[in-house]
Every structure is written in structure tokens, then in C-alpha cells.
Amino acid sequence: MFFLQHTTEEIVKQLQALAPHLPLNEWFMEVVKQGTGKEFTPADNANWLPVTRPILEAFFHARYFLEMACKYGRELKEPPEMLPSGWAAFLYLYNLR
């Protein structure tokens, strides 16, 4: 489980690189902060769910935004009149909605 932190950090790095001049959403970054920077200790086994949930939450949020970047990066050639919900969420990541 703890190995996901590196993947999460790499996804966030790549998302930020798409628009380096725009800060990523504050709440998203708080989720990432709470789900990264952890080191496993044997005591974590007794507290598995509270210890690992933030790691999973951060990973799944980051993965979702990566998937939306890939999906709409391929599909949208110009701004649509009606925003698909995934694209709207992606814009929210960059505080553009």
C-alpha cells in the first residue's frame, strides 16, 4: 500500500507540469499531503484502515484527474458548449471553474 505514495507524487508532478503557472486546487493538494510522506512501521498493521485510507484516497484522486486529462486531451479539440462532468472536474483542479 505504501508504494502508492510514489505513484501519487509522480502523477501530481505530471499534472502540475501541464500548467506550471497555475496552482493545483487547495483541497486536492491537502488530500495529497495527507496521503503521502508516510513510512511503514510494524505498528501500522494494528491500525491498517486509518493509516492506509489517506494513501488510497490521495492515489485515487490523483489517478482520476490523470484519467480525465488523458480522456479529454484526446476527445476535445475545442471548448465544448456543455461541459462533460469529468472535464469540469479537471478544470476545477486548476481552479478554472
PDB file of N, CA and C in Angstrom:
ATOM      1  N   MET A   1       0.810  -1.181   0.000  1.00  0.00           N
ATOM      2  CA  MET A   1       0.000   0.000   0.000  1.00  0.00           C
ATOM      3  C   MET A   1       0.866   1.262   0.000  1.00  0.00           C
ATOM      4  N   PHE A   2       1.906   1.245   0.774  1.00  0.00           N
ATOM      5  CA  PHE A   2       2.735   2.439   0.939  1.00  0.00           C
ATOM      6  C   PHE A   2       3.447   2.826  -0.358  1.00  0.00           C
ATOM      7  N   PHE A   3       3.667   1.858  -1.247  1.00  0.00           N
ATOM      8  CA  PHE A   3       4.326   2.153  -2.523  1.00  0.00           C
ATOM      9  C   PHE A   3       3.492   3.087  -3.394  1.00  0.00           C
ATOM     10  N   LEU A   4       2.181   3.157  -3.156  1.00  0.00           N
ATOM     11  CA  LEU A   4       1.317   4.036  -3.951  1.00  0.00           C
ATOM     12  C   LEU A   4       1.673   5.518  -3.778  1.00  0.00           C
ATOM     13  N   GLN A   5       2.315   5.848  -2.682  1.00  0.00           N
ATOM     14  CA  GLN A   5       2.661   7.246  -2.434  1.00  0.00           C
ATOM     15  C   GLN A   5       3.567   7.799  -3.530  1.00  0.00           C
ATOM     16  N   HIS A   6       4.527   7.000  -3.959  1.00  0.00           N
ATOM     17  CA  HIS A   6       5.431   7.452  -5.024  1.00  0.00           C
ATOM     18  C   HIS A   6       4.650   7.684  -6.315  1.00  0.00           C
ATOM     19  N   THR A   7       3.758   6.767  -6.627  1.00  0.00           N
ATOM     20  CA  THR A   7       2.935   6.914  -7.836  1.00  0.00           C
ATOM     21  C   THR A   7       2.081   8.168  -7.744  1.00  0.00           C
ATOM     22  N   THR A   8       1.477   8.395  -6.596  1.00  0.00           N
ATOM     23  CA  THR A   8       0.654   9.596  -6.390  1.00  0.00           C
ATOM     24  C   THR A   8       1.483  10.849  -6.604  1.00  0.00           C
ATOM     25  N   GLU A   9       2.650  10.899  -6.008  1.00  0.00           N
ATOM     26  CA  GLU A   9       3.518  12.077  -6.151  1.00  0.00           C
ATOM     27  C   GLU A   9       3.926  12.291  -7.603  1.00  0.00           C
ATOM     28  N   GLU A  10       4.180  11.232  -8.323  1.00  0.00           N
ATOM     29  CA  GLU A  10       4.561  11.350  -9.736  1.00  0.00           C
ATOM     30  C   GLU A  10       3.393  11.857 -10.577  1.00  0.00           C
ATOM     31  N   ILE A  11       2.197  11.365 -10.317  1.00  0.00           N
ATOM     32  CA  ILE A  11       1.014  11.840 -11.046  1.00  0.00           C
ATOM     33  C   ILE A  11       0.818  13.330 -10.785  1.00  0.00           C
ATOM     34  N   VAL A  12       0.898  13.742  -9.527  1.00  0.00           N
ATOM     35  CA  VAL A  12       0.723  15.160  -9.181  1.00  0.00           C
ATOM     36  C   VAL A  12       1.786  16.005  -9.878  1.00  0.00           C
ATOM     37  N   LYS A  13       2.999  15.524  -9.908  1.00  0.00           N
ATOM     38  CA  LYS A  13       4.089  16.235 -10.595  1.00  0.00           C
ATOM     39  C   LYS A  13       3.749  16.435 -12.079  1.00  0.00           C
ATOM     40  N   GLN A  14       3.239  15.395 -12.715  1.00  0.00           N
ATOM     41  CA  GLN A  14       2.898  15.490 -14.134  1.00  0.00           C
ATOM     42  C   GLN A  14       1.685  16.391 -14.363  1.00  0.00           C
ATOM     43  N   LEU A  15       0.693  16.318 -13.477  1.00  0.00           N
ATOM     44  CA  LEU A  15      -0.463  17.211 -13.598  1.00  0.00           C
ATOM     45  C   LEU A  15      -0.033  18.667 -13.458  1.00  0.00           C
ATOM     46  N   GLN A  16       0.850  18.943 -12.516  1.00  0.00           N
ATOM     47  CA  GLN A  16       1.324  20.312 -12.327  1.00  0.00           C
ATOM     48  C   GLN A  16       2.113  20.776 -13.545  1.00  0.00           C
ATOM     49  N   ALA A  17       2.841  19.862 -14.160  1.00  0.00           N
ATOM     50  CA  ALA A  17       3.640  20.211 -15.336  1.00  0.00           C
ATOM     51  C   ALA A  17       2.770  20.613 -16.534  1.00  0.00           C
ATOM     52  N   LEU A  18       1.525  20.179 -16.549  1.00  0.00           N
ATOM     53  CA  LEU A  18       0.624  20.562 -17.647  1.00  0.00           C
ATOM     54  C   LEU A  18       0.339  22.059 -17.639  1.00  0.00           C
ATOM     55  N   ALA A  19       0.319  22.651 -16.466  1.00  0.00           N
ATOM     56  CA  ALA A  19       0.060  24.087 -16.338  1.00  0.00           C
ATOM     57  C   ALA A  19       0.862  24.611 -15.144  1.00  0.00           C
ATOM     58  N   PRO A  20       2.177  24.732 -15.311  1.00  0.00           N
ATOM     59  CA  PRO A  20       3.027  25.109 -14.177  1.00  0.00           C
ATOM     60  C   PRO A  20       2.716  26.491 -13.597  1.00  0.00           C
ATOM     61  N   HIS A  21       2.078  27.328 -14.373  1.00  0.00           N
ATOM     62  CA  HIS A  21       1.749  28.672 -13.907  1.00  0.00           C
ATOM     63  C   HIS A  21       0.475  28.705 -13.058  1.00  0.00           C
ATOM     64  N   LEU A  22      -0.251  27.587 -12.980  1.00  0.00           N
ATOM     65  CA  LEU A  22      -1.490  27.524 -12.208  1.00  0.00           C
ATOM     66  C   LEU A  22      -1.308  26.628 -10.988  1.00  0.00           C
ATOM     67  N   PRO A  23      -1.672  27.115  -9.812  1.00  0.00           N
ATOM     68  CA  PRO A  23      -1.600  26.234  -8.644  1.00  0.00           C
ATOM     69  C   PRO A  23      -2.719  25.202  -8.713  1.00  0.00           C
ATOM     70  N   LEU A  24      -2.428  24.002  -8.248  1.00  0.00           N
ATOM     71  CA  LEU A  24      -3.458  22.976  -8.194  1.00  0.00           C
ATOM     72  C   LEU A  24      -4.404  23.282  -7.039  1.00  0.00           C
ATOM     73  N   ASN A  25      -5.621  22.795  -7.154  1.00  0.00           N
ATOM     74  CA  ASN A  25      -6.667  23.042  -6.173  1.00  0.00           C
ATOM     75  C   ASN A  25      -6.189  22.752  -4.747  1.00  0.00           C
ATOM     76  N   GLU A  26      -6.491  23.667  -3.861  1.00  0.00           N
ATOM     77  CA  GLU A  26      -6.029  23.590  -2.470  1.00  0.00           C
ATOM     78  C   GLU A  26      -6.538  22.334  -1.758  1.00  0.00           C
ATOM     79  N   TRP A  27      -7.789  21.974  -1.958  1.00  0.00           N
ATOM     80  CA  TRP A  27      -8.330  20.781  -1.296  1.00  0.00           C
ATOM     81  C   TRP A  27      -7.688  19.517  -1.839  1.00  0.00           C
ATOM     82  N   PHE A  28      -7.476  19.480  -3.151  1.00  0.00           N
ATOM     83  CA  PHE A  28      -6.795  18.331  -3.757  1.00  0.00           C
ATOM     84  C   PHE A  28      -5.400  18.191  -3.154  1.00  0.00           C
ATOM     85  N   MET A  29      -4.684  19.296  -3.048  1.00  0.00           N
ATOM     86  CA  MET A  29      -3.331  19.237  -2.504  1.00  0.00           C
ATOM     87  C   MET A  29      -3.335  18.830  -1.028  1.00  0.00           C
ATOM     88  N   GLU A  30      -4.373  19.170  -0.299  1.00  0.00           N
ATOM     89  CA  GLU A  30      -4.481  18.738   1.096  1.00  0.00           C
ATOM     90  C   GLU A  30      -4.688  17.221   1.166  1.00  0.00           C
ATOM     91  N   VAL A  31      -5.512  16.678   0.282  1.00  0.00           N
ATOM     92  CA  VAL A  31      -5.702  15.222   0.213  1.00  0.00           C
ATOM     93  C   VAL A  31      -4.372  14.549  -0.100  1.00  0.00           C
ATOM     94  N   VAL A  32      -3.625  15.100  -1.057  1.00  0.00           N
ATOM     95  CA  VAL A  32      -2.321  14.543  -1.431  1.00  0.00           C
ATOM     96  C   VAL A  32      -1.358  14.627  -0.248  1.00  0.00           C
ATOM     97  N   LYS A  33      -1.340  15.753   0.429  1.00  0.00           N
ATOM     98  CA  LYS A  33      -0.443  15.931   1.579  1.00  0.00           C
ATOM     99  C   LYS A  33      -0.725  14.896   2.664  1.00  0.00           C
ATOM    100  N   GLN A  34      -2.004  14.663   2.928  1.00  0.00           N
ATOM    101  CA  GLN A  34      -2.372  13.709   3.979  1.00  0.00           C
ATOM    102  C   GLN A  34      -2.106  12.258   3.573  1.00  0.00           C
ATOM    103  N   GLY A  35      -1.977  12.011   2.271  1.00  0.00           N
ATOM    104  CA  GLY A  35      -1.791  10.644   1.796  1.00  0.00           C
ATOM    105  C   GLY A  35      -0.406  10.324   1.286  1.00  0.00           C
ATOM    106  N   THR A  36       0.549  11.205   1.538  1.00  0.00           N
ATOM    107  CA  THR A  36       1.928  10.964   1.105  1.00  0.00           C
ATOM    108  C   THR A  36       2.883  11.296   2.253  1.00  0.00           C
ATOM    109  N   GLY A  37       4.126  10.879   2.085  1.00  0.00           N
ATOM    110  CA  GLY A  37       5.141  11.163   3.089  1.00  0.00           C
ATOM    111  C   GLY A  37       5.099  10.235   4.293  1.00  0.00           C
ATOM    112  N   LYS A  38       4.432   9.123   4.144  1.00  0.00           N
ATOM    113  CA  LYS A  38       4.298   8.171   5.250  1.00  0.00           C
ATOM    114  C   LYS A  38       5.310   7.044   5.095  1.00  0.00           C
ATOM    115  N   GLU A  39       5.821   6.571   6.228  1.00  0.00           N
ATOM    116  CA  GLU A  39       6.715   5.409   6.224  1.00  0.00           C
ATOM    117  C   GLU A  39       6.065   4.296   7.033  1.00  0.00           C
ATOM    118  N   PHE A  40       6.144   3.106   6.503  1.00  0.00           N
ATOM    119  CA  PHE A  40       5.538   1.956   7.167  1.00  0.00           C
ATOM    120  C   PHE A  40       6.294   1.602   8.440  1.00  0.00           C
ATOM    121  N   THR A  41       5.532   1.303   9.476  1.00  0.00           N
ATOM    122  CA  THR A  41       6.093   0.726  10.694  1.00  0.00           C
ATOM    123  C   THR A  41       5.254  -0.503  11.034  1.00  0.00           C
ATOM    124  N   PRO A  42       5.816  -1.474  11.715  1.00  0.00           N
ATOM    125  CA  PRO A  42       5.036  -2.657  12.092  1.00  0.00           C
ATOM    126  C   PRO A  42       3.768  -2.313  12.880  1.00  0.00           C
ATOM    127  N   ALA A  43       3.787  -1.224  13.622  1.00  0.00           N
ATOM    128  CA  ALA A  43       2.598  -0.806  14.380  1.00  0.00           C
ATOM    129  C   ALA A  43       1.431  -0.447  13.462  1.00  0.00           C
ATOM    130  N   ASP A  44       1.728  -0.104  12.210  1.00  0.00           N
ATOM    131  CA  ASP A  44       0.665   0.241  11.264  1.00  0.00           C
ATOM    132  C   ASP A  44      -0.278  -0.926  11.010  1.00  0.00           C
ATOM    133  N   ASN A  45       0.222  -2.149  11.163  1.00  0.00           N
ATOM    134  CA  ASN A  45      -0.626  -3.321  10.930  1.00  0.00           C
ATOM    135  C   ASN A  45      -1.847  -3.331  11.852  1.00  0.00           C
ATOM    136  N   ALA A  46      -1.703  -2.829  13.063  1.00  0.00           N
ATOM    137  CA  ALA A  46      -2.809  -2.801  14.014  1.00  0.00           C
ATOM    138  C   ALA A  46      -3.802  -1.679  13.709  1.00  0.00           C
ATOM    139  N   ASN A  47      -3.380  -0.711  12.930  1.00  0.00           N
ATOM    140  CA  ASN A  47      -4.209   0.445  12.559  1.00  0.00           C
ATOM    141  C   ASN A  47      -4.346   0.565  11.053  1.00  0.00           C
ATOM    142  N   TRP A  48      -4.421  -0.547  10.365  1.00  0.00           N
ATOM    143  CA  TRP A  48      -4.315  -0.576   8.906  1.00  0.00           C
ATOM    144  C   TRP A  48      -5.267   0.385   8.204  1.00  0.00           C
ATOM    145  N   LEU A  49      -6.547   0.356   8.518  1.00  0.00           N
ATOM    146  CA  LEU A  49      -7.501   1.212   7.803  1.00  0.00           C
ATOM    147  C   LEU A  49      -7.241   2.701   8.022  1.00  0.00           C
ATOM    148  N   PRO A  50      -7.109   3.175   9.259  1.00  0.00           N
ATOM    149  CA  PRO A  50      -6.848   4.618   9.421  1.00  0.00           C
ATOM    150  C   PRO A  50      -5.513   5.070   8.813  1.00  0.00           C
ATOM    151  N   VAL A  51      -4.537   4.182   8.797  1.00  0.00           N
ATOM    152  CA  VAL A  51      -3.220   4.547   8.262  1.00  0.00           C
ATOM    153  C   VAL A  51      -3.227   4.558   6.734  1.00  0.00           C
ATOM    154  N   THR A  52      -3.915   3.599   6.118  1.00  0.00           N
ATOM    155  CA  THR A  52      -3.825   3.463   4.667  1.00  0.00           C
ATOM    156  C   THR A  52      -4.911   4.200   3.895  1.00  0.00           C
ATOM    157  N   ARG A  53      -6.015   4.521   4.519  1.00  0.00           N
ATOM    158  CA  ARG A  53      -7.081   5.225   3.790  1.00  0.00           C
ATOM    159  C   ARG A  53      -6.606   6.534   3.165  1.00  0.00           C
ATOM    160  N   PRO A  54      -5.869   7.378   3.876  1.00  0.00           N
ATOM    161  CA  PRO A  54      -5.403   8.618   3.230  1.00  0.00           C
ATOM    162  C   PRO A  54      -4.492   8.352   2.028  1.00  0.00           C
ATOM    163  N   ILE A  55      -3.708   7.291   2.087  1.00  0.00           N
ATOM    164  CA  ILE A  55      -2.826   6.941   0.960  1.00  0.00           C
ATOM    165  C   ILE A  55      -3.667   6.566  -0.255  1.00  0.00           C
ATOM    166  N   LEU A  56      -4.676   5.724  -0.025  1.00  0.00           N
ATOM    167  CA  LEU A  56      -5.554   5.324  -1.124  1.00  0.00           C
ATOM    168  C   LEU A  56      -6.363   6.489  -1.658  1.00  0.00           C
ATOM    169  N   GLU A  57      -6.869   7.320  -0.769  1.00  0.00           N
ATOM    170  CA  GLU A  57      -7.662   8.470  -1.191  1.00  0.00           C
ATOM    171  C   GLU A  57      -6.840   9.398  -2.081  1.00  0.00           C
ATOM    172  N   ALA A  58      -5.622   9.685  -1.682  1.00  0.00           N
ATOM    173  CA  ALA A  58      -4.760  10.556  -2.479  1.00  0.00           C
ATOM    174  C   ALA A  58      -4.470   9.927  -3.837  1.00  0.00           C
ATOM    175  N   PHE A  59      -4.157   8.630  -3.844  1.00  0.00           N
ATOM    176  CA  PHE A  59      -3.870   7.957  -5.108  1.00  0.00           C
ATOM    177  C   PHE A  59      -5.075   7.982  -6.036  1.00  0.00           C
ATOM    178  N   PHE A  60      -6.264   7.639  -5.514  1.00  0.00           N
ATOM    179  CA  PHE A  60      -7.451   7.589  -6.374  1.00  0.00           C
ATOM    180  C   PHE A  60      -7.841   8.969  -6.889  1.00  0.00           C
ATOM    181  N   HIS A  61      -7.670  10.006  -6.094  1.00  0.00           N
ATOM    182  CA  HIS A  61      -7.936  11.358  -6.586  1.00  0.00           C
ATOM    183  C   HIS A  61      -6.963  11.715  -7.713  1.00  0.00           C
ATOM    184  N   ALA A  62      -5.689  11.477  -7.475  1.00  0.00           N
ATOM    185  CA  ALA A  62      -4.685  11.809  -8.489  1.00  0.00           C
ATOM    186  C   ALA A  62      -4.922  11.009  -9.766  1.00  0.00           C
ATOM    187  N   ARG A  63      -5.205   9.715  -9.616  1.00  0.00           N
ATOM    188  CA  ARG A  63      -5.451   8.874 -10.793  1.00  0.00           C
ATOM    189  C   ARG A  63      -6.665   9.352 -11.569  1.00  0.00           C
ATOM    190  N   TYR A  64      -7.716   9.749 -10.877  1.00  0.00           N
ATOM    191  CA  TYR A  64      -8.915  10.258 -11.551  1.00  0.00           C
ATOM    192  C   TYR A  64      -8.575  11.467 -12.422  1.00  0.00           C
ATOM    193  N   PHE A  65      -7.844  12.422 -11.862  1.00  0.00           N
ATOM    194  CA  PHE A  65      -7.510  13.613 -12.642  1.00  0.00           C
ATOM    195  C   PHE A  65      -6.574  13.288 -13.800  1.00  0.00           C
ATOM    196  N   LEU A  66      -5.693  12.337 -13.624  1.00  0.00           N
ATOM    197  CA  LEU A  66      -4.844  11.892 -14.734  1.00  0.00           C
ATOM    198  C   LEU A  66      -5.694  11.275 -15.835  1.00  0.00           C
ATOM    199  N   GLU A  67      -6.646  10.436 -15.448  1.00  0.00           N
ATOM    200  CA  GLU A  67      -7.539   9.818 -16.436  1.00  0.00           C
ATOM    201  C   GLU A  67      -8.348  10.876 -17.191  1.00  0.00           C
ATOM    202  N   MET A  68      -8.828  11.901 -16.484  1.00  0.00           N
ATOM    203  CA  MET A  68      -9.601  12.958 -17.137  1.00  0.00           C
ATOM    204  C   MET A  68      -8.716  13.763 -18.082  1.00  0.00           C
ATOM    205  N   ALA A  69      -7.480  14.019 -17.693  1.00  0.00           N
ATOM    206  CA  ALA A  69      -6.558  14.740 -18.578  1.00  0.00           C
ATOM    207  C   ALA A  69      -6.336  13.947 -19.860  1.00  0.00           C
ATOM    208  N   CYS A  70      -6.132  12.651 -19.734  1.00  0.00           N
ATOM    209  CA  CYS A  70      -5.908  11.809 -20.915  1.00  0.00           C
ATOM    210  C   CYS A  70      -7.162  11.709 -21.776  1.00  0.00           C
ATOM    211  N   LYS A  71      -8.289  11.444 -21.152  1.00  0.00           N
ATOM    212  CA  LYS A  71      -9.550  11.279 -21.886  1.00  0.00           C
ATOM    213  C   LYS A  71      -9.907  12.539 -22.671  1.00  0.00           C
ATOM    214  N   TYR A  72      -9.971  13.663 -21.980  1.00  0.00           N
ATOM    215  CA  TYR A  72     -10.419  14.880 -22.646  1.00  0.00           C
ATOM    216  C   TYR A  72      -9.322  15.527 -23.473  1.00  0.00           C
ATOM    217  N   GLY A  73      -8.086  15.212 -23.179  1.00  0.00           N
ATOM    218  CA  GLY A  73      -6.998  15.675 -24.038  1.00  0.00           C
ATOM    219  C   GLY A  73      -7.098  15.064 -25.432  1.00  0.00           C
ATOM    220  N   ARG A  74      -7.597  13.836 -25.493  1.00  0.00           N
ATOM    221  CA  ARG A  74      -7.795  13.162 -26.786  1.00  0.00           C
ATOM    222  C   ARG A  74      -9.112  13.560 -27.436  1.00  0.00           C
ATOM    223  N   GLU A  75     -10.171  13.701 -26.643  1.00  0.00           N
ATOM    224  CA  GLU A  75     -11.516  13.890 -27.184  1.00  0.00           C
ATOM    225  C   GLU A  75     -11.849  15.319 -27.567  1.00  0.00           C
ATOM    226  N   LEU A  76     -11.409  16.282 -26.798  1.00  0.00           N
ATOM    227  CA  LEU A  76     -11.829  17.667 -27.032  1.00  0.00           C
ATOM    228  C   LEU A  76     -10.824  18.405 -27.915  1.00  0.00           C
ATOM    229  N   LYS A  77     -11.311  18.871 -29.022  1.00  0.00           N
ATOM    230  CA  LYS A  77     -10.467  19.660 -29.929  1.00  0.00           C
ATOM    231  C   LYS A  77     -10.692  21.158 -29.719  1.00  0.00           C
ATOM    232  N   GLU A  78     -11.810  21.511 -29.123  1.00  0.00           N
ATOM    233  CA  GLU A  78     -12.141  22.895 -28.802  1.00  0.00           C
ATOM    234  C   GLU A  78     -13.069  22.885 -27.588  1.00  0.00           C
ATOM    235  N   PRO A  79     -13.202  24.004 -26.896  1.00  0.00           N
ATOM    236  CA  PRO A  79     -14.068  24.028 -25.711  1.00  0.00           C
ATOM    237  C   PRO A  79     -15.509  23.672 -26.081  1.00  0.00           C
ATOM    238  N   PRO A  80     -16.101  22.726 -25.373  1.00  0.00           N
ATOM    239  CA  PRO A  80     -17.481  22.336 -25.677  1.00  0.00           C
ATOM    240  C   PRO A  80     -18.476  23.337 -25.088  1.00  0.00           C
ATOM    241  N   GLU A  81     -19.678  23.403 -25.692  1.00  0.00           N
ATOM    242  CA  GLU A  81     -20.719  24.273 -25.144  1.00  0.00           C
ATOM    243  C   GLU A  81     -21.203  23.732 -23.802  1.00  0.00           C
ATOM    244  N   MET A  82     -21.432  22.428 -23.725  1.00  0.00           N
ATOM    245  CA  MET A  82     -21.852  21.789 -22.477  1.00  0.00           C
ATOM    246  C   MET A  82     -20.666  20.984 -21.966  1.00  0.00           C
ATOM    247  N   LEU A  83     -20.191  21.326 -20.780  1.00  0.00           N
ATOM    248  CA  LEU A  83     -19.017  20.664 -20.237  1.00  0.00           C
ATOM    249  C   LEU A  83     -19.345  19.261 -19.744  1.00  0.00           C
ATOM    250  N   PRO A  84     -18.589  18.257 -20.196  1.00  0.00           N
ATOM    251  CA  PRO A  84     -18.712  16.934 -19.580  1.00  0.00           C
ATOM    252  C   PRO A  84     -18.254  17.032 -18.125  1.00  0.00           C
ATOM    253  N   SER A  85     -18.852  16.245 -17.242  1.00  0.00           N
ATOM    254  CA  SER A  85     -18.550  16.369 -15.809  1.00  0.00           C
ATOM    255  C   SER A  85     -17.074  16.116 -15.508  1.00  0.00           C
ATOM    256  N   GLY A  86     -16.451  15.173 -16.204  1.00  0.00           N
ATOM    257  CA  GLY A  86     -15.029  14.896 -15.982  1.00  0.00           C
ATOM    258  C   GLY A  86     -14.152  16.067 -16.381  1.00  0.00           C
ATOM    259  N   TRP A  87     -14.508  16.733 -17.465  1.00  0.00           N
ATOM    260  CA  TRP A  87     -13.744  17.892 -17.905  1.00  0.00           C
ATOM    261  C   TRP A  87     -13.946  19.051 -16.924  1.00  0.00           C
ATOM    262  N   ALA A  88     -15.165  19.215 -16.432  1.00  0.00           N
ATOM    263  CA  ALA A  88     -15.434  20.250 -15.443  1.00  0.00           C
ATOM    264  C   ALA A  88     -14.604  20.001 -14.175  1.00  0.00           C
ATOM    265  N   ALA A  89     -14.515  18.748 -13.760  1.00  0.00           N
ATOM    266  CA  ALA A  89     -13.701  18.400 -12.587  1.00  0.00           C
ATOM    267  C   ALA A  89     -12.235  18.706 -12.845  1.00  0.00           C
ATOM    268  N   PHE A  90     -11.767  18.388 -14.045  1.00  0.00           N
ATOM    269  CA  PHE A  90     -10.367  18.658 -14.388  1.00  0.00           C
ATOM    270  C   PHE A  90     -10.085  20.161 -14.348  1.00  0.00           C
ATOM    271  N   LEU A  91     -10.995  20.982 -14.867  1.00  0.00           N
ATOM    272  CA  LEU A  91     -10.821  22.432 -14.802  1.00  0.00           C
ATOM    273  C   LEU A  91     -10.799  22.915 -13.357  1.00  0.00           C
ATOM    274  N   TYR A  92     -11.606  22.287 -12.515  1.00  0.00           N
ATOM    275  CA  TYR A  92     -11.647  22.639 -11.092  1.00  0.00           C
ATOM    276  C   TYR A  92     -10.308  22.365 -10.434  1.00  0.00           C
ATOM    277  N   LEU A  93      -9.614  21.324 -10.883  1.00  0.00           N
ATOM    278  CA  LEU A  93      -8.292  21.002 -10.334  1.00  0.00           C
ATOM    279  C   LEU A  93      -7.356  22.195 -10.462  1.00  0.00           C
ATOM    280  N   TYR A  94      -7.474  22.946 -11.543  1.00  0.00           N
ATOM    281  CA  TYR A  94      -6.616  24.095 -11.792  1.00  0.00           C
ATOM    282  C   TYR A  94      -7.294  25.412 -11.390  1.00  0.00           C
ATOM    283  N   ASN A  95      -8.385  25.294 -10.617  1.00  0.00           N
ATOM    284  CA  ASN A  95      -9.124  26.454 -10.142  1.00  0.00           C
ATOM    285  C   ASN A  95      -9.661  27.301 -11.290  1.00  0.00           C
ATOM    286  N   LEU A  96     -10.031  26.655 -12.386  1.00  0.00           N
ATOM    287  CA  LEU A  96     -10.544  27.358 -13.553  1.00  0.00           C
ATOM    288  C   LEU A  96     -12.068  27.291 -13.648  1.00  0.00           C
ATOM    289  N   ARG A  97     -12.703  26.700 -12.661  1.00  0.00           N
ATOM    290  CA  ARG A  97     -14.171  26.630 -12.584  1.00  0.00           C
ATOM    291  C   ARG A  97     -14.623  26.996 -11.222  1.00  0.00           C
TER     292      ARG A  97
END
